[in-house]
Amino acid sequence: MTSSDKPTFASLRKDPILFLSLGFGSGLAPFAPGTAGTLVALCFVPLLALLPTAYLLAVLLVASLAGIYICGYGATKLGAKDPSSIVWDEFVGLWIALAGFPVSSFWLVSGFVVFRCFDILKPWPISVLDKKVPGGLGIMLDDILAGIMTWLVLHLVAVVLGLSV
């Protein structure tokens, strides 16, 4: 399969790793697949928020490490360096961004918007990782860093507004 041979949702049943790399099919959205993937990732945040901190960190670590393989596999399968349809990295990045925050519309929307801004605009040092690190590791690292930067911004917002996290 090459980047010109876009998979269909039906074909993903035959390839569970590609299914994961495409964010359970959300990466097949015809417009803004990264945003679509981030929206689907948002649906998992309330479940992740139920986990004790140690388990949440373990899930984030496993999702990140597995994501290196998952995203690398998807890129190879699709025949492109970092196809926009691969959105597992957005899933993990958003989960990192919202780790430990209350599940409320304020934090979910704020996290979503700030994360998407970092992911789309790719300010330094995100842009360096995006350009210099190849394969699945590169696909994952820029979104992991975008998630960490979002997490920091949200904590700064909490301090400035006097909100508890």
C-alpha atoms as a PDB file:
ATOM      1  CA  MET A   1       0.000   0.000   0.000  1.00  0.00           C
ATOM      2  CA  THR A   2       1.362   3.438  -0.888  1.00  0.00           C
ATOM      3  CA  SER A   3       0.288   6.915   0.171  1.00  0.00           C
ATOM      4  CA  SER A   4      -1.826   7.065  -2.987  1.00  0.00           C
ATOM      5  CA  ASP A   5      -3.638   3.866  -1.913  1.00  0.00           C
ATOM      6  CA  LYS A   6      -5.573   5.274   1.023  1.00  0.00           C
ATOM      7  CA  PRO A   7      -7.003   2.502   3.196  1.00  0.00           C
ATOM      8  CA  THR A   8     -10.712   2.231   3.736  1.00  0.00           C
ATOM      9  CA  PHE A   9     -12.394   1.793   7.091  1.00  0.00           C
ATOM     10  CA  ALA A  10     -13.475  -1.704   6.019  1.00  0.00           C
ATOM     11  CA  SER A  11      -9.892  -2.689   5.101  1.00  0.00           C
ATOM     12  CA  LEU A  12      -8.654  -1.746   8.590  1.00  0.00           C
ATOM     13  CA  ARG A  13     -10.389  -4.815  10.048  1.00  0.00           C
ATOM     14  CA  LYS A  14      -7.675  -6.905   8.424  1.00  0.00           C
ATOM     15  CA  ASP A  15      -4.798  -4.908   9.933  1.00  0.00           C
ATOM     16  CA  PRO A  16      -5.228  -4.058  13.629  1.00  0.00           C
ATOM     17  CA  ILE A  17      -1.899  -2.210  13.891  1.00  0.00           C
ATOM     18  CA  LEU A  18      -2.780   0.048  10.971  1.00  0.00           C
ATOM     19  CA  PHE A  19      -6.215   0.474  12.588  1.00  0.00           C
ATOM     20  CA  LEU A  20      -4.483   1.757  15.755  1.00  0.00           C
ATOM     21  CA  SER A  21      -2.076   3.994  13.828  1.00  0.00           C
ATOM     22  CA  LEU A  22      -5.072   5.580  12.100  1.00  0.00           C
ATOM     23  CA  GLY A  23      -6.719   6.250  15.454  1.00  0.00           C
ATOM     24  CA  PHE A  24      -9.455   3.625  15.157  1.00  0.00           C
ATOM     25  CA  GLY A  25     -10.190   4.993  11.682  1.00  0.00           C
ATOM     26  CA  SER A  26     -10.396   8.667  12.683  1.00  0.00           C
ATOM     27  CA  GLY A  27      -7.307   9.418  10.586  1.00  0.00           C
ATOM     28  CA  LEU A  28      -9.368   8.631   7.491  1.00  0.00           C
ATOM     29  CA  ALA A  29     -11.335  11.875   7.954  1.00  0.00           C
ATOM     30  CA  PRO A  30     -11.315  13.700   4.607  1.00  0.00           C
ATOM     31  CA  PHE A  31     -10.529  17.049   6.263  1.00  0.00           C
ATOM     32  CA  ALA A  32      -8.097  17.728   9.130  1.00  0.00           C
ATOM     33  CA  PRO A  33      -7.403  14.109  10.134  1.00  0.00           C
ATOM     34  CA  GLY A  34      -5.136  15.249  12.991  1.00  0.00           C
ATOM     35  CA  THR A  35      -7.964  17.266  14.485  1.00  0.00           C
ATOM     36  CA  ALA A  36     -10.388  14.378  13.956  1.00  0.00           C
ATOM     37  CA  GLY A  37      -7.968  12.021  15.682  1.00  0.00           C
ATOM     38  CA  THR A  38      -7.530  14.431  18.581  1.00  0.00           C
ATOM     39  CA  LEU A  39     -11.304  14.662  18.983  1.00  0.00           C
ATOM     40  CA  VAL A  40     -11.584  10.876  19.159  1.00  0.00           C
ATOM     41  CA  ALA A  41      -8.669  10.779  21.630  1.00  0.00           C
ATOM     42  CA  LEU A  42     -10.622  13.220  23.795  1.00  0.00           C
ATOM     43  CA  CYS A  43     -13.288  10.530  24.265  1.00  0.00           C
ATOM     44  CA  PHE A  44     -10.772   8.372  26.160  1.00  0.00           C
ATOM     45  CA  VAL A  45      -9.727  11.104  28.616  1.00  0.00           C
ATOM     46  CA  PRO A  46     -12.590  10.483  31.107  1.00  0.00           C
ATOM     47  CA  LEU A  47     -11.598   6.801  31.283  1.00  0.00           C
ATOM     48  CA  LEU A  48      -7.919   7.610  31.738  1.00  0.00           C
ATOM     49  CA  ALA A  49      -8.810  10.105  34.471  1.00  0.00           C
ATOM     50  CA  LEU A  50     -10.233   7.247  36.545  1.00  0.00           C
ATOM     51  CA  LEU A  51      -6.781   5.684  36.860  1.00  0.00           C
ATOM     52  CA  PRO A  52      -4.551   6.313  39.869  1.00  0.00           C
ATOM     53  CA  THR A  53      -1.569   8.489  38.894  1.00  0.00           C
ATOM     54  CA  ALA A  54       0.953   5.622  38.791  1.00  0.00           C
ATOM     55  CA  TYR A  55      -1.282   3.585  36.459  1.00  0.00           C
ATOM     56  CA  LEU A  56      -1.984   6.612  34.272  1.00  0.00           C
ATOM     57  CA  LEU A  57       1.746   7.264  33.880  1.00  0.00           C
ATOM     58  CA  ALA A  58       2.277   3.576  33.040  1.00  0.00           C
ATOM     59  CA  VAL A  59      -0.458   3.708  30.386  1.00  0.00           C
ATOM     60  CA  LEU A  60       1.074   6.870  28.888  1.00  0.00           C
ATOM     61  CA  LEU A  61       4.522   5.259  28.832  1.00  0.00           C
ATOM     62  CA  VAL A  62       3.234   2.062  27.190  1.00  0.00           C
ATOM     63  CA  ALA A  63       1.116   4.032  24.677  1.00  0.00           C
ATOM     64  CA  SER A  64       4.149   6.172  23.825  1.00  0.00           C
ATOM     65  CA  LEU A  65       6.578   3.277  23.419  1.00  0.00           C
ATOM     66  CA  ALA A  66       4.052   1.155  21.510  1.00  0.00           C
ATOM     67  CA  GLY A  67       3.285   4.242  19.421  1.00  0.00           C
ATOM     68  CA  ILE A  68       6.832   4.272  18.066  1.00  0.00           C
ATOM     69  CA  TYR A  69       6.183   0.866  16.525  1.00  0.00           C
ATOM     70  CA  ILE A  70       2.528   1.553  15.655  1.00  0.00           C
ATOM     71  CA  CYS A  71       3.261   4.832  13.854  1.00  0.00           C
ATOM     72  CA  GLY A  72       6.392   3.479  12.169  1.00  0.00           C
ATOM     73  CA  TYR A  73       4.409   0.491  10.933  1.00  0.00           C
ATOM     74  CA  GLY A  74       1.635   2.744   9.626  1.00  0.00           C
ATOM     75  CA  ALA A  75       4.085   5.031   7.826  1.00  0.00           C
ATOM     76  CA  THR A  76       5.797   2.060   6.194  1.00  0.00           C
ATOM     77  CA  LYS A  77       2.486   0.480   5.254  1.00  0.00           C
ATOM     78  CA  LEU A  78       1.261   3.752   3.716  1.00  0.00           C
ATOM     79  CA  GLY A  79       4.601   4.435   2.033  1.00  0.00           C
ATOM     80  CA  ALA A  80       5.135   7.927   3.456  1.00  0.00           C
ATOM     81  CA  LYS A  81       7.390   9.542   6.096  1.00  0.00           C
ATOM     82  CA  ASP A  82       4.592  10.907   8.286  1.00  0.00           C
ATOM     83  CA  PRO A  83       1.181  10.533   6.629  1.00  0.00           C
ATOM     84  CA  SER A  84      -1.474  12.880   7.992  1.00  0.00           C
ATOM     85  CA  SER A  85      -3.791   9.883   8.424  1.00  0.00           C
ATOM     86  CA  ILE A  86      -1.559   8.482  11.185  1.00  0.00           C
ATOM     87  CA  VAL A  87      -3.027   9.962  14.360  1.00  0.00           C
ATOM     88  CA  TRP A  88      -1.975   7.619  17.182  1.00  0.00           C
ATOM     89  CA  ASP A  89       0.625  10.269  18.012  1.00  0.00           C
ATOM     90  CA  GLU A  90      -2.170  12.819  18.489  1.00  0.00           C
ATOM     91  CA  PHE A  91      -3.943  10.401  20.827  1.00  0.00           C
ATOM     92  CA  VAL A  92      -0.904  10.036  23.065  1.00  0.00           C
ATOM     93  CA  GLY A  93       0.012  13.721  22.882  1.00  0.00           C
ATOM     94  CA  LEU A  94      -3.454  14.801  23.991  1.00  0.00           C
ATOM     95  CA  TRP A  95      -3.537  12.212  26.769  1.00  0.00           C
ATOM     96  CA  ILE A  96      -0.226  13.588  28.067  1.00  0.00           C
ATOM     97  CA  ALA A  97      -1.548  17.152  27.773  1.00  0.00           C
ATOM     98  CA  LEU A  98      -4.584  16.404  29.948  1.00  0.00           C
ATOM     99  CA  ALA A  99      -2.952  14.006  32.426  1.00  0.00           C
ATOM    100  CA  GLY A 100      -4.043  14.859  35.948  1.00  0.00           C
ATOM    101  CA  PHE A 101      -6.481  17.597  34.971  1.00  0.00           C
ATOM    102  CA  PRO A 102     -10.116  17.463  36.013  1.00  0.00           C
ATOM    103  CA  VAL A 103     -12.524  16.162  33.396  1.00  0.00           C
ATOM    104  CA  SER A 104     -14.434  19.378  32.818  1.00  0.00           C
ATOM    105  CA  SER A 105     -15.378  21.228  29.670  1.00  0.00           C
ATOM    106  CA  PHE A 106     -12.937  24.041  30.543  1.00  0.00           C
ATOM    107  CA  TRP A 107      -9.904  21.754  30.763  1.00  0.00           C
ATOM    108  CA  LEU A 108     -10.922  19.471  27.894  1.00  0.00           C
ATOM    109  CA  VAL A 109     -11.512  22.364  25.481  1.00  0.00           C
ATOM    110  CA  SER A 110      -8.447  24.283  26.677  1.00  0.00           C
ATOM    111  CA  GLY A 111      -6.243  21.208  26.372  1.00  0.00           C
ATOM    112  CA  PHE A 112      -7.617  20.374  22.948  1.00  0.00           C
ATOM    113  CA  VAL A 113      -7.089  23.911  21.589  1.00  0.00           C
ATOM    114  CA  VAL A 114      -3.611  24.431  23.050  1.00  0.00           C
ATOM    115  CA  PHE A 115      -2.455  20.965  21.960  1.00  0.00           C
ATOM    116  CA  ARG A 116      -3.734  21.458  18.411  1.00  0.00           C
ATOM    117  CA  CYS A 117      -1.974  24.841  18.236  1.00  0.00           C
ATOM    118  CA  PHE A 118       1.345  23.301  19.300  1.00  0.00           C
ATOM    119  CA  ASP A 119       0.838  20.343  16.966  1.00  0.00           C
ATOM    120  CA  ILE A 120      -0.079  22.458  13.936  1.00  0.00           C
ATOM    121  CA  LEU A 121       2.303  25.400  14.440  1.00  0.00           C
ATOM    122  CA  LYS A 122       5.208  23.243  15.675  1.00  0.00           C
ATOM    123  CA  PRO A 123       7.186  25.933  17.505  1.00  0.00           C
ATOM    124  CA  TRP A 124      10.786  25.266  18.534  1.00  0.00           C
ATOM    125  CA  PRO A 125      11.803  22.664  19.729  1.00  0.00           C
ATOM    126  CA  ILE A 126       8.860  20.659  18.349  1.00  0.00           C
ATOM    127  CA  SER A 127       9.816  21.660  14.787  1.00  0.00           C
ATOM    128  CA  VAL A 128      13.353  20.326  15.273  1.00  0.00           C
ATOM    129  CA  LEU A 129      12.089  16.907  16.361  1.00  0.00           C
ATOM    130  CA  ASP A 130       9.564  16.868  13.526  1.00  0.00           C
ATOM    131  CA  LYS A 131      12.273  17.522  10.924  1.00  0.00           C
ATOM    132  CA  LYS A 132      15.268  15.678  12.334  1.00  0.00           C
ATOM    133  CA  VAL A 133      14.015  12.462  13.949  1.00  0.00           C
ATOM    134  CA  PRO A 134      12.968   9.774  11.460  1.00  0.00           C
ATOM    135  CA  GLY A 135      10.481   6.922  11.581  1.00  0.00           C
ATOM    136  CA  GLY A 136       7.996   6.066  14.269  1.00  0.00           C
ATOM    137  CA  LEU A 137      10.134   7.742  16.929  1.00  0.00           C
ATOM    138  CA  GLY A 138       9.985  11.044  15.046  1.00  0.00           C
ATOM    139  CA  ILE A 139       6.262  10.740  14.455  1.00  0.00           C
ATOM    140  CA  MET A 140       5.696  10.217  18.180  1.00  0.00           C
ATOM    141  CA  LEU A 141       8.249  12.620  19.674  1.00  0.00           C
ATOM    142  CA  ASP A 142       6.898  15.881  18.280  1.00  0.00           C
ATOM    143  CA  ASP A 143       3.411  15.105  19.612  1.00  0.00           C
ATOM    144  CA  ILE A 144       4.755  13.916  22.957  1.00  0.00           C
ATOM    145  CA  LEU A 145       6.609  17.221  23.282  1.00  0.00           C
ATOM    146  CA  ALA A 146       3.485  19.129  22.165  1.00  0.00           C
ATOM    147  CA  GLY A 147       1.584  17.271  24.894  1.00  0.00           C
ATOM    148  CA  ILE A 148       4.188  18.131  27.531  1.00  0.00           C
ATOM    149  CA  MET A 149       4.227  21.783  26.469  1.00  0.00           C
ATOM    150  CA  THR A 150       0.422  21.878  26.573  1.00  0.00           C
ATOM    151  CA  TRP A 151       0.466  20.325  30.054  1.00  0.00           C
ATOM    152  CA  LEU A 152       2.861  23.054  31.205  1.00  0.00           C
ATOM    153  CA  VAL A 153       0.732  25.822  29.677  1.00  0.00           C
ATOM    154  CA  LEU A 154      -2.401  24.429  31.323  1.00  0.00           C
ATOM    155  CA  HIS A 155      -0.654  24.328  34.695  1.00  0.00           C
ATOM    156  CA  LEU A 156       0.425  27.936  34.195  1.00  0.00           C
ATOM    157  CA  VAL A 157      -3.200  28.841  33.414  1.00  0.00           C
ATOM    158  CA  ALA A 158      -4.300  27.047  36.589  1.00  0.00           C
ATOM    159  CA  VAL A 159      -1.797  29.030  38.679  1.00  0.00           C
ATOM    160  CA  VAL A 160      -2.695  32.376  37.079  1.00  0.00           C
ATOM    161  CA  LEU A 161      -6.439  31.757  37.493  1.00  0.00           C
ATOM    162  CA  GLY A 162      -6.046  30.247  40.954  1.00  0.00           C
ATOM    163  CA  LEU A 163      -7.652  26.954  39.887  1.00  0.00           C
ATOM    164  CA  SER A 164      -6.908  23.670  41.575  1.00  0.00           C
ATOM    165  CA  VAL A 165      -5.749  20.785  39.460  1.00  0.00           C
END
